[in-house]
Protein backbone atom coordinates (compact mmCIF):
# COMPACT_ATOMS: atom_id res chain seq x y z
CA MET A 1 -0.48 4.05 8.98
CA LEU A 2 -2.68 2.28 6.21
CA VAL A 3 -6.09 4.32 5.96
CA ILE A 4 -7.55 4.39 2.47
CA THR A 5 -7.77 1.90 -0.28
CA ARG A 6 -6.16 4.44 -2.36
CA GLN A 7 -3.04 4.17 -0.57
CA ILE A 8 -2.69 0.53 -1.74
CA LYS A 9 -3.11 1.29 -5.26
CA ALA A 10 -0.47 4.43 -4.99
CA ALA A 11 2.01 2.19 -2.99
CA ARG A 12 1.95 -0.28 -5.89
CA SER A 13 2.26 2.43 -8.45
CA LEU A 14 5.50 3.91 -6.57
CA LEU A 15 7.20 0.19 -6.29
CA GLY A 16 5.67 -0.73 -10.26
CA TRP A 17 3.88 -3.51 -8.26
CA GLU A 18 1.05 -5.53 -9.82
CA GLN A 19 -1.80 -6.97 -7.94
CA HIS A 20 -0.46 -10.39 -8.15
CA GLN A 21 3.27 -9.20 -6.68
CA LEU A 22 1.34 -7.48 -3.61
CA ALA A 23 -0.41 -10.84 -3.30
CA LEU A 24 3.04 -12.52 -3.15
CA GLN A 25 4.60 -10.31 -1.25
CA SER A 26 2.07 -9.76 1.61
CA GLY A 27 0.65 -13.21 1.71
CA VAL A 28 -2.57 -11.91 1.23
CA ALA A 29 -4.92 -13.73 -1.48
CA ILE A 30 -5.04 -11.67 -4.87
CA SER A 31 -8.84 -11.98 -4.45
CA THR A 32 -8.85 -9.95 -1.31
CA ILE A 33 -6.36 -7.31 -3.06
CA ARG A 34 -8.83 -6.61 -5.94
CA ARG A 35 -11.72 -6.64 -3.49
CA LEU A 36 -9.91 -3.99 -1.40
CA GLU A 37 -9.15 -1.99 -4.21
CA GLY A 38 -12.57 -2.19 -5.59
CA LEU A 39 -13.65 -0.17 -2.69
CA LYS A 40 -12.41 3.32 -4.14
CA ASP A 41 -11.83 5.68 -1.47
CA ALA A 42 -13.44 3.94 1.40
CA PRO A 43 -11.76 3.09 4.61
CA ILE A 44 -10.55 -0.27 4.32
CA ALA A 45 -12.89 -3.22 5.23
CA ALA A 46 -10.51 -6.15 6.11
CA HIS A 47 -9.32 -8.00 9.07
CA PHE A 48 -6.72 -6.32 11.23
CA ASP A 49 -4.34 -8.96 10.27
CA THR A 50 -4.73 -8.62 6.28
CA ILE A 51 -4.32 -5.01 6.59
CA ASN A 52 -0.81 -5.43 8.63
CA LYS A 53 0.42 -8.15 6.30
CA ILE A 54 -0.21 -5.49 3.46
CA ARG A 55 1.35 -2.74 5.44
CA CYS A 56 4.37 -5.00 6.36
CA ALA A 57 4.77 -5.86 2.62
CA PHE A 58 4.95 -2.36 1.77
CA GLU A 59 7.22 -0.97 4.12
CA ARG A 60 9.59 -3.52 3.71
CA ALA A 61 9.86 -2.02 0.05
CA GLY A 62 10.48 1.11 1.32
CA ILE A 63 6.93 2.67 1.37
CA GLU A 64 6.03 5.23 4.09
CA PHE A 65 2.47 5.82 4.61
CA LEU A 66 1.21 9.32 5.53
CA GLY A 67 -1.72 10.12 7.47
CA HIS A 68 -1.75 13.91 8.09
CA PRO A 69 -3.04 16.17 6.98
CA ALA A 70 -3.99 13.82 4.13
CA PRO A 71 -3.34 10.24 3.26
CA GLY A 72 -0.86 9.46 0.92
CA VAL A 73 2.25 7.20 0.68
CA ARG A 74 5.69 7.95 0.21
CA LEU A 75 8.80 5.88 -1.43
CA LYS A 76 11.63 6.58 1.17
CA THR A 77 14.63 8.26 0.08
CA THR A 78 16.97 6.38 -1.68
CA SER A 79 20.94 6.98 -2.30
CA MET A 80 19.83 8.68 -5.41
CA GLY A 81 17.72 11.41 -3.33
CA ASP A 82 14.59 10.38 -5.09
CA ASP A 83 11.47 10.92 -2.73
CA ARG A 84 8.33 10.42 -4.64
CA ILE A 85 5.10 11.22 -3.01
CA LEU A 86 1.59 10.28 -4.09
């Protein structure tokens, strides 16, 4: 579950992606990515389709969204056992 803009930055950080890479992988305009990340810790203010495209791009890359007890993201375990949580 993608709930706050901070999760976008954290997920990009775990993957080592720049904003333009997320735009390419998700099919969302880079201007939209910039606008969303500029919202600080606010809930995401975007169309459902936009949020879904971003979430799906991250999930294809191995990101898992966490929502309880606090929102966050985690890179799914690799064969090396490397679980990183932000």
